[in-house]
Amino acid sequence: MARKKASDWKRYRVDVVRHEIADAIPLRIESPAKAVELFTQDAKRLMTESLWVLTLDGRNGLLGIEQIYSGTATGTSVRVGELFRYAVASGGCGIILAHNHPSGDPQASDEDKRLTTEVIKASRLLDIEILDHLVIGNGAYTSIRSENPLMWASGESAVEAFTQ
């Protein structure tokens, strides 16, 4: 088999373009309950566990919502770097993770808490605030930040009032 020369390889350029699509003031997400409102209807219908990322500007204005993963009826596998992709590309200042439990139990699992800890560590390197990780089930939710504030204790929060 002949070895390829450098000139044989295709070259690509990747462009990230941000287009403003509306002049309206963005929806402000000022509490976990406000964030959960965006998911309650869809989360009831989902039979598999799905993870979304809400990207926010510096005043908690919603820049975008992305469904990052859709897993099985009992879980999903997450690559932490992918959770920050849109926030970095859009100049986001913070993110909220939200996922459903198809079982209907809104309590955070040990795996949910472990993931949250890993995401908080990564966020400090990127200077993107993790405002919360919400677990949704049967129309109810758990705020991991409200129930485990010490996970965030080693860093100053840009939005202290978020969980109040």
N, C-alpha and C. Protein backbone atom coordinates (compact mmCIF):
# COMPACT_ATOMS: atom_id res chain seq x y z
N MET A 1 0.84 -1.17 0.00
CA MET A 1 0.00 0.00 0.00
C MET A 1 0.89 1.24 0.00
N ALA A 2 0.64 2.14 -0.92
CA ALA A 2 1.45 3.35 -1.04
C ALA A 2 1.12 4.31 0.10
N ARG A 3 2.12 4.93 0.59
CA ARG A 3 1.97 5.90 1.67
C ARG A 3 1.53 7.24 1.12
N LYS A 4 0.54 7.89 1.81
CA LYS A 4 0.05 9.19 1.33
C LYS A 4 1.04 10.29 1.67
N LYS A 5 1.15 11.23 0.73
CA LYS A 5 1.97 12.42 0.96
C LYS A 5 1.08 13.49 1.60
N ALA A 6 1.68 14.46 2.21
CA ALA A 6 0.93 15.55 2.84
C ALA A 6 0.02 16.25 1.85
N SER A 7 0.41 16.35 0.61
CA SER A 7 -0.40 17.03 -0.40
C SER A 7 -1.63 16.22 -0.79
N ASP A 8 -1.68 14.93 -0.43
CA ASP A 8 -2.83 14.08 -0.75
C ASP A 8 -4.00 14.26 0.21
N TRP A 9 -3.77 14.82 1.38
CA TRP A 9 -4.81 14.98 2.40
C TRP A 9 -5.67 16.20 2.10
N LYS A 10 -6.96 16.05 2.31
CA LYS A 10 -7.87 17.18 2.13
C LYS A 10 -7.73 18.12 3.31
N ARG A 11 -7.90 19.39 3.02
CA ARG A 11 -7.83 20.41 4.07
C ARG A 11 -9.19 21.07 4.18
N TYR A 12 -9.60 21.37 5.41
CA TYR A 12 -10.89 21.99 5.64
C TYR A 12 -10.73 23.20 6.54
N ARG A 13 -11.61 24.12 6.37
CA ARG A 13 -11.68 25.28 7.27
C ARG A 13 -13.05 25.21 7.94
N VAL A 14 -13.07 25.39 9.26
CA VAL A 14 -14.32 25.39 10.02
C VAL A 14 -14.58 26.81 10.49
N ASP A 15 -15.77 27.32 10.19
CA ASP A 15 -16.15 28.65 10.62
C ASP A 15 -17.29 28.56 11.62
N VAL A 16 -17.18 29.32 12.70
CA VAL A 16 -18.27 29.44 13.65
C VAL A 16 -18.85 30.83 13.46
N VAL A 17 -20.12 30.89 13.10
CA VAL A 17 -20.76 32.16 12.81
C VAL A 17 -21.90 32.38 13.77
N ARG A 18 -21.99 33.55 14.34
CA ARG A 18 -23.07 33.90 15.25
C ARG A 18 -23.93 34.95 14.57
N HIS A 19 -25.21 34.61 14.37
CA HIS A 19 -26.15 35.52 13.74
C HIS A 19 -27.20 35.93 14.76
N GLU A 20 -27.45 37.22 14.87
CA GLU A 20 -28.52 37.70 15.73
C GLU A 20 -29.84 37.48 14.99
N ILE A 21 -30.78 36.81 15.65
CA ILE A 21 -32.03 36.51 14.97
C ILE A 21 -33.21 37.29 15.53
N ALA A 22 -33.00 38.02 16.63
CA ALA A 22 -34.10 38.79 17.19
C ALA A 22 -33.55 39.93 18.03
N ASP A 23 -34.29 41.01 18.07
CA ASP A 23 -33.91 42.15 18.89
C ASP A 23 -34.54 42.09 20.27
N ALA A 24 -35.39 41.12 20.51
CA ALA A 24 -36.11 41.03 21.77
C ALA A 24 -35.15 40.80 22.93
N ILE A 25 -35.56 41.27 24.09
CA ILE A 25 -34.80 41.02 25.31
C ILE A 25 -34.89 39.53 25.60
N PRO A 26 -33.76 38.88 25.89
CA PRO A 26 -33.81 37.44 26.11
C PRO A 26 -34.60 37.09 27.37
N LEU A 27 -35.20 35.91 27.34
CA LEU A 27 -35.88 35.38 28.50
C LEU A 27 -34.87 35.25 29.63
N ARG A 28 -35.19 35.80 30.79
CA ARG A 28 -34.27 35.72 31.93
C ARG A 28 -34.62 34.50 32.77
N ILE A 29 -33.60 33.75 33.12
CA ILE A 29 -33.75 32.57 33.96
C ILE A 29 -33.21 32.95 35.33
N GLU A 30 -34.11 33.26 36.25
CA GLU A 30 -33.70 33.79 37.56
C GLU A 30 -33.87 32.80 38.71
N SER A 31 -34.35 31.59 38.41
CA SER A 31 -34.53 30.60 39.46
C SER A 31 -34.57 29.21 38.83
N PRO A 32 -34.34 28.18 39.63
CA PRO A 32 -34.47 26.82 39.09
C PRO A 32 -35.87 26.57 38.55
N ALA A 33 -36.89 27.06 39.23
CA ALA A 33 -38.27 26.83 38.78
C ALA A 33 -38.50 27.41 37.39
N LYS A 34 -37.94 28.57 37.10
CA LYS A 34 -38.08 29.20 35.79
C LYS A 34 -37.43 28.33 34.71
N ALA A 35 -36.28 27.76 35.03
CA ALA A 35 -35.61 26.88 34.07
C ALA A 35 -36.42 25.60 33.84
N VAL A 36 -36.96 25.04 34.90
CA VAL A 36 -37.72 23.80 34.80
C VAL A 36 -38.97 24.00 33.94
N GLU A 37 -39.57 25.18 33.99
CA GLU A 37 -40.76 25.47 33.17
C GLU A 37 -40.51 25.18 31.69
N LEU A 38 -39.29 25.36 31.24
CA LEU A 38 -38.95 25.13 29.84
C LEU A 38 -38.97 23.66 29.46
N PHE A 39 -38.91 22.77 30.46
CA PHE A 39 -38.76 21.34 30.19
C PHE A 39 -39.90 20.47 30.65
N THR A 40 -40.74 20.95 31.52
CA THR A 40 -41.72 20.09 32.17
C THR A 40 -42.58 19.32 31.19
N GLN A 41 -43.12 19.94 30.17
CA GLN A 41 -43.98 19.23 29.22
C GLN A 41 -43.20 18.18 28.44
N ASP A 42 -42.05 18.53 27.91
CA ASP A 42 -41.27 17.57 27.14
C ASP A 42 -40.75 16.43 28.01
N ALA A 43 -40.31 16.73 29.23
CA ALA A 43 -39.74 15.71 30.09
C ALA A 43 -40.78 14.65 30.45
N LYS A 44 -42.05 15.01 30.54
CA LYS A 44 -43.10 14.03 30.84
C LYS A 44 -43.25 13.01 29.73
N ARG A 45 -42.99 13.42 28.50
CA ARG A 45 -43.18 12.55 27.34
C ARG A 45 -41.97 11.67 27.04
N LEU A 46 -40.83 12.02 27.57
CA LEU A 46 -39.61 11.31 27.22
C LEU A 46 -39.50 9.97 27.94
N MET A 47 -39.25 8.93 27.18
CA MET A 47 -39.11 7.60 27.74
C MET A 47 -37.65 7.24 27.99
N THR A 48 -36.75 8.08 27.48
CA THR A 48 -35.32 7.87 27.72
C THR A 48 -34.76 9.09 28.44
N GLU A 49 -33.69 8.86 29.17
CA GLU A 49 -33.06 9.96 29.88
C GLU A 49 -32.36 10.88 28.88
N SER A 50 -32.62 12.17 29.00
CA SER A 50 -32.03 13.15 28.10
C SER A 50 -31.42 14.29 28.91
N LEU A 51 -30.33 14.86 28.40
CA LEU A 51 -29.62 15.93 29.09
C LEU A 51 -29.60 17.16 28.20
N TRP A 52 -30.00 18.30 28.76
CA TRP A 52 -29.99 19.58 28.06
C TRP A 52 -29.05 20.55 28.76
N VAL A 53 -28.57 21.50 27.98
CA VAL A 53 -27.77 22.59 28.53
C VAL A 53 -28.43 23.90 28.13
N LEU A 54 -28.73 24.73 29.13
CA LEU A 54 -29.21 26.08 28.90
C LEU A 54 -28.00 26.99 29.00
N THR A 55 -27.75 27.78 27.98
CA THR A 55 -26.63 28.72 27.99
C THR A 55 -27.18 30.11 28.26
N LEU A 56 -26.52 30.81 29.20
CA LEU A 56 -26.99 32.12 29.63
C LEU A 56 -25.92 33.18 29.45
N ASP A 57 -26.39 34.42 29.26
CA ASP A 57 -25.46 35.55 29.20
C ASP A 57 -25.14 36.01 30.63
N GLY A 58 -24.44 37.10 30.77
CA GLY A 58 -24.02 37.59 32.08
C GLY A 58 -25.13 38.09 32.97
N ARG A 59 -26.33 38.26 32.42
CA ARG A 59 -27.49 38.70 33.21
C ARG A 59 -28.56 37.61 33.27
N ASN A 60 -28.14 36.38 33.06
CA ASN A 60 -29.03 35.21 33.05
C ASN A 60 -30.05 35.24 31.92
N GLY A 61 -29.75 35.95 30.85
CA GLY A 61 -30.59 35.92 29.66
C GLY A 61 -30.31 34.65 28.89
N LEU A 62 -31.35 33.97 28.46
CA LEU A 62 -31.21 32.70 27.76
C LEU A 62 -30.66 32.93 26.36
N LEU A 63 -29.51 32.35 26.09
CA LEU A 63 -28.91 32.42 24.75
C LEU A 63 -29.29 31.22 23.90
N GLY A 64 -29.52 30.08 24.55
CA GLY A 64 -29.88 28.89 23.79
C GLY A 64 -30.09 27.69 24.68
N ILE A 65 -30.79 26.70 24.14
CA ILE A 65 -31.02 25.42 24.80
C ILE A 65 -30.60 24.35 23.81
N GLU A 66 -29.78 23.44 24.27
CA GLU A 66 -29.34 22.33 23.42
C GLU A 66 -29.58 21.01 24.12
N GLN A 67 -30.15 20.05 23.41
CA GLN A 67 -30.20 18.70 23.94
C GLN A 67 -28.88 18.06 23.57
N ILE A 68 -28.09 17.73 24.56
CA ILE A 68 -26.75 17.21 24.33
C ILE A 68 -26.74 15.69 24.20
N TYR A 69 -27.52 15.02 25.05
CA TYR A 69 -27.54 13.57 25.04
C TYR A 69 -28.95 13.04 25.18
N SER A 70 -29.17 11.90 24.59
CA SER A 70 -30.37 11.12 24.82
C SER A 70 -29.88 9.71 25.06
N GLY A 71 -30.24 9.16 26.21
CA GLY A 71 -29.71 7.86 26.59
C GLY A 71 -30.74 6.76 26.55
N THR A 72 -30.71 5.94 27.57
CA THR A 72 -31.62 4.81 27.68
C THR A 72 -32.67 5.13 28.73
N ALA A 73 -33.46 4.15 29.08
CA ALA A 73 -34.48 4.35 30.11
C ALA A 73 -33.85 4.51 31.49
N THR A 74 -32.58 4.14 31.64
CA THR A 74 -31.94 4.20 32.95
C THR A 74 -30.70 5.07 33.03
N GLY A 75 -30.30 5.69 31.93
CA GLY A 75 -29.11 6.53 32.04
C GLY A 75 -28.62 7.03 30.70
N THR A 76 -27.52 7.76 30.78
CA THR A 76 -26.87 8.28 29.59
C THR A 76 -25.39 8.45 29.90
N SER A 77 -24.57 8.44 28.88
CA SER A 77 -23.13 8.65 29.03
C SER A 77 -22.83 10.08 28.60
N VAL A 78 -21.98 10.76 29.36
CA VAL A 78 -21.74 12.18 29.12
C VAL A 78 -20.25 12.46 28.96
N ARG A 79 -19.90 13.20 27.92
CA ARG A 79 -18.54 13.73 27.74
C ARG A 79 -18.59 15.18 28.16
N VAL A 80 -17.91 15.52 29.25
CA VAL A 80 -18.02 16.84 29.87
C VAL A 80 -17.72 17.97 28.90
N GLY A 81 -16.74 17.81 28.04
CA GLY A 81 -16.39 18.87 27.10
C GLY A 81 -17.53 19.30 26.20
N GLU A 82 -18.39 18.37 25.83
CA GLU A 82 -19.51 18.69 24.94
C GLU A 82 -20.55 19.58 25.60
N LEU A 83 -20.59 19.59 26.92
CA LEU A 83 -21.55 20.42 27.64
C LEU A 83 -21.26 21.91 27.49
N PHE A 84 -20.02 22.25 27.17
CA PHE A 84 -19.60 23.65 27.09
C PHE A 84 -19.49 24.17 25.66
N ARG A 85 -19.70 23.32 24.68
CA ARG A 85 -19.46 23.70 23.28
C ARG A 85 -20.23 24.95 22.87
N TYR A 86 -21.54 24.97 23.09
CA TYR A 86 -22.35 26.12 22.67
C TYR A 86 -22.02 27.35 23.50
N ALA A 87 -21.81 27.16 24.81
CA ALA A 87 -21.48 28.31 25.67
C ALA A 87 -20.20 29.00 25.21
N VAL A 88 -19.20 28.22 24.86
CA VAL A 88 -17.95 28.80 24.38
C VAL A 88 -18.17 29.50 23.04
N ALA A 89 -18.86 28.84 22.12
CA ALA A 89 -19.08 29.41 20.78
C ALA A 89 -19.93 30.67 20.80
N SER A 90 -20.89 30.75 21.74
CA SER A 90 -21.81 31.88 21.77
C SER A 90 -21.39 32.98 22.75
N GLY A 91 -20.29 32.79 23.44
CA GLY A 91 -19.86 33.78 24.42
C GLY A 91 -20.68 33.73 25.70
N GLY A 92 -21.26 32.58 26.00
CA GLY A 92 -22.07 32.42 27.20
C GLY A 92 -21.24 32.57 28.47
N CYS A 93 -21.89 33.06 29.52
CA CYS A 93 -21.22 33.25 30.80
C CYS A 93 -21.57 32.16 31.81
N GLY A 94 -22.68 31.47 31.57
CA GLY A 94 -23.10 30.43 32.50
C GLY A 94 -23.96 29.39 31.81
N ILE A 95 -24.05 28.23 32.46
CA ILE A 95 -24.92 27.18 31.95
C ILE A 95 -25.70 26.55 33.10
N ILE A 96 -26.83 25.98 32.74
CA ILE A 96 -27.63 25.18 33.64
C ILE A 96 -27.79 23.82 32.97
N LEU A 97 -27.49 22.76 33.69
CA LEU A 97 -27.73 21.42 33.19
C LEU A 97 -29.13 21.01 33.63
N ALA A 98 -29.83 20.31 32.79
CA ALA A 98 -31.16 19.80 33.15
C ALA A 98 -31.32 18.44 32.49
N HIS A 99 -31.77 17.47 33.28
CA HIS A 99 -32.06 16.18 32.69
C HIS A 99 -33.26 15.55 33.38
N ASN A 100 -33.88 14.63 32.67
CA ASN A 100 -35.05 13.96 33.19
C ASN A 100 -34.71 12.56 33.68
N HIS A 101 -35.52 12.06 34.59
CA HIS A 101 -35.47 10.66 35.00
C HIS A 101 -36.76 10.01 34.50
N PRO A 102 -36.68 9.14 33.51
CA PRO A 102 -37.89 8.50 32.98
C PRO A 102 -38.68 7.74 34.04
N SER A 103 -38.02 7.34 35.13
CA SER A 103 -38.72 6.64 36.20
C SER A 103 -39.71 7.56 36.91
N GLY A 104 -39.52 8.87 36.74
CA GLY A 104 -40.38 9.84 37.41
C GLY A 104 -39.83 10.33 38.73
N ASP A 105 -38.78 9.71 39.23
CA ASP A 105 -38.18 10.10 40.50
C ASP A 105 -37.25 11.31 40.26
N PRO A 106 -37.58 12.47 40.82
CA PRO A 106 -36.75 13.65 40.58
C PRO A 106 -35.51 13.76 41.47
N GLN A 107 -35.27 12.78 42.32
CA GLN A 107 -34.11 12.84 43.21
C GLN A 107 -32.82 12.60 42.43
N ALA A 108 -31.79 13.38 42.76
CA ALA A 108 -30.49 13.24 42.10
C ALA A 108 -29.81 11.96 42.56
N SER A 109 -29.28 11.21 41.61
CA SER A 109 -28.54 9.99 41.93
C SER A 109 -27.09 10.34 42.30
N ASP A 110 -26.37 9.36 42.81
CA ASP A 110 -24.95 9.57 43.09
C ASP A 110 -24.20 9.91 41.81
N GLU A 111 -24.60 9.28 40.70
CA GLU A 111 -23.96 9.57 39.41
C GLU A 111 -24.25 11.00 38.96
N ASP A 112 -25.46 11.49 39.21
CA ASP A 112 -25.80 12.88 38.89
C ASP A 112 -24.91 13.84 39.66
N LYS A 113 -24.68 13.54 40.92
CA LYS A 113 -23.84 14.40 41.77
C LYS A 113 -22.38 14.33 41.33
N ARG A 114 -21.92 13.13 40.95
CA ARG A 114 -20.54 12.99 40.47
C ARG A 114 -20.33 13.80 39.20
N LEU A 115 -21.28 13.68 38.27
CA LEU A 115 -21.20 14.46 37.03
C LEU A 115 -21.16 15.95 37.33
N THR A 116 -22.01 16.39 38.23
CA THR A 116 -22.06 17.82 38.59
C THR A 116 -20.70 18.28 39.10
N THR A 117 -20.08 17.49 39.95
CA THR A 117 -18.76 17.84 40.49
C THR A 117 -17.73 17.97 39.37
N GLU A 118 -17.75 17.04 38.41
CA GLU A 118 -16.82 17.09 37.28
C GLU A 118 -17.06 18.31 36.41
N VAL A 119 -18.32 18.64 36.19
CA VAL A 119 -18.66 19.80 35.35
C VAL A 119 -18.23 21.09 36.04
N ILE A 120 -18.41 21.18 37.35
CA ILE A 120 -17.98 22.37 38.10
C ILE A 120 -16.47 22.55 37.96
N LYS A 121 -15.72 21.47 38.08
CA LYS A 121 -14.26 21.55 37.93
C LYS A 121 -13.88 22.08 36.55
N ALA A 122 -14.51 21.53 35.52
CA ALA A 122 -14.22 21.97 34.15
C ALA A 122 -14.62 23.42 33.93
N SER A 123 -15.72 23.83 34.54
CA SER A 123 -16.22 25.19 34.34
C SER A 123 -15.24 26.24 34.87
N ARG A 124 -14.54 25.90 35.90
CA ARG A 124 -13.58 26.85 36.48
C ARG A 124 -12.43 27.11 35.53
N LEU A 125 -12.04 26.11 34.77
CA LEU A 125 -10.98 26.30 33.78
C LEU A 125 -11.45 27.18 32.62
N LEU A 126 -12.73 27.08 32.28
CA LEU A 126 -13.28 27.83 31.15
C LEU A 126 -13.87 29.17 31.55
N ASP A 127 -13.95 29.43 32.85
CA ASP A 127 -14.56 30.66 33.37
C ASP A 127 -16.02 30.79 32.91
N ILE A 128 -16.72 29.67 33.00
CA ILE A 128 -18.16 29.63 32.70
C ILE A 128 -18.85 29.11 33.96
N GLU A 129 -19.77 29.88 34.50
CA GLU A 129 -20.45 29.54 35.75
C GLU A 129 -21.46 28.42 35.55
N ILE A 130 -21.42 27.43 36.44
CA ILE A 130 -22.46 26.40 36.47
C ILE A 130 -23.49 26.88 37.48
N LEU A 131 -24.65 27.29 37.01
CA LEU A 131 -25.66 27.84 37.91
C LEU A 131 -26.42 26.75 38.64
N ASP A 132 -26.65 25.61 38.00
CA ASP A 132 -27.36 24.52 38.67
C ASP A 132 -27.35 23.29 37.79
N HIS A 133 -27.76 22.18 38.37
CA HIS A 133 -28.04 20.95 37.65
C HIS A 133 -29.39 20.49 38.17
N LEU A 134 -30.36 20.47 37.28
CA LEU A 134 -31.74 20.17 37.65
C LEU A 134 -32.11 18.76 37.18
N VAL A 135 -32.76 18.02 38.08
CA VAL A 135 -33.25 16.68 37.76
C VAL A 135 -34.77 16.74 37.76
N ILE A 136 -35.38 16.36 36.64
CA ILE A 136 -36.82 16.52 36.45
C ILE A 136 -37.48 15.14 36.37
N GLY A 137 -38.59 15.01 37.08
CA GLY A 137 -39.35 13.77 37.03
C GLY A 137 -40.77 13.97 37.51
N ASN A 138 -41.74 13.49 36.76
CA ASN A 138 -43.17 13.58 37.10
C ASN A 138 -43.61 15.00 37.48
N GLY A 139 -43.16 15.98 36.75
CA GLY A 139 -43.58 17.35 36.99
C GLY A 139 -42.92 18.02 38.19
N ALA A 140 -42.07 17.28 38.90
CA ALA A 140 -41.31 17.83 40.03
C ALA A 140 -39.84 17.91 39.63
N TYR A 141 -39.04 18.56 40.46
CA TYR A 141 -37.62 18.64 40.14
C TYR A 141 -36.80 18.73 41.42
N THR A 142 -35.52 18.43 41.27
CA THR A 142 -34.54 18.61 42.33
C THR A 142 -33.46 19.53 41.79
N SER A 143 -33.10 20.54 42.58
CA SER A 143 -31.97 21.40 42.26
C SER A 143 -30.77 20.86 43.02
N ILE A 144 -29.79 20.33 42.30
CA ILE A 144 -28.61 19.79 42.97
C ILE A 144 -27.88 20.89 43.71
N ARG A 145 -27.89 22.09 43.18
CA ARG A 145 -27.21 23.20 43.87
C ARG A 145 -27.89 23.53 45.19
N SER A 146 -29.22 23.56 45.19
CA SER A 146 -29.94 23.86 46.43
C SER A 146 -29.73 22.79 47.49
N GLU A 147 -29.67 21.54 47.06
CA GLU A 147 -29.52 20.45 48.01
C GLU A 147 -28.07 20.15 48.38
N ASN A 148 -27.12 20.62 47.58
CA ASN A 148 -25.69 20.34 47.81
C ASN A 148 -24.85 21.59 47.59
N PRO A 149 -25.11 22.66 48.34
CA PRO A 149 -24.40 23.92 48.07
C PRO A 149 -22.89 23.83 48.25
N LEU A 150 -22.41 22.87 49.02
CA LEU A 150 -20.96 22.76 49.23
C LEU A 150 -20.22 22.35 47.97
N MET A 151 -20.92 21.79 46.99
CA MET A 151 -20.27 21.47 45.71
C MET A 151 -19.74 22.73 45.05
N TRP A 152 -20.38 23.85 45.28
CA TRP A 152 -20.01 25.12 44.68
C TRP A 152 -19.17 25.98 45.61
N ALA A 153 -18.90 25.52 46.82
CA ALA A 153 -18.30 26.35 47.86
C ALA A 153 -16.89 26.84 47.56
N SER A 154 -16.11 26.10 46.80
CA SER A 154 -14.72 26.51 46.61
C SER A 154 -14.53 27.60 45.56
N GLY A 155 -15.61 28.06 44.97
CA GLY A 155 -15.52 29.14 44.00
C GLY A 155 -16.62 30.15 44.24
N GLU A 156 -16.33 31.40 44.01
CA GLU A 156 -17.34 32.45 44.17
C GLU A 156 -18.35 32.37 43.03
N SER A 157 -19.61 32.42 43.37
CA SER A 157 -20.67 32.38 42.38
C SER A 157 -20.90 33.76 41.79
N ALA A 158 -21.05 33.82 40.49
CA ALA A 158 -21.36 35.09 39.84
C ALA A 158 -22.81 35.49 40.07
N VAL A 159 -23.63 34.54 40.40
CA VAL A 159 -25.05 34.81 40.59
C VAL A 159 -25.49 34.19 41.90
N GLU A 160 -25.22 34.86 43.01
CA GLU A 160 -25.52 34.32 44.33
C GLU A 160 -27.02 34.11 44.54
N ALA A 161 -27.86 34.92 43.95
CA ALA A 161 -29.28 34.87 44.23
C ALA A 161 -30.02 33.81 43.40
N PHE A 162 -29.31 33.09 42.55
CA PHE A 162 -29.99 32.17 41.63
C PHE A 162 -30.87 31.16 42.35
N THR A 163 -30.37 30.56 43.43
CA THR A 163 -31.12 29.49 44.08
C THR A 163 -31.96 30.00 45.25
N GLN A 164 -32.06 31.28 45.44
CA GLN A 164 -32.84 31.80 46.56
C GLN A 164 -34.29 31.99 46.19
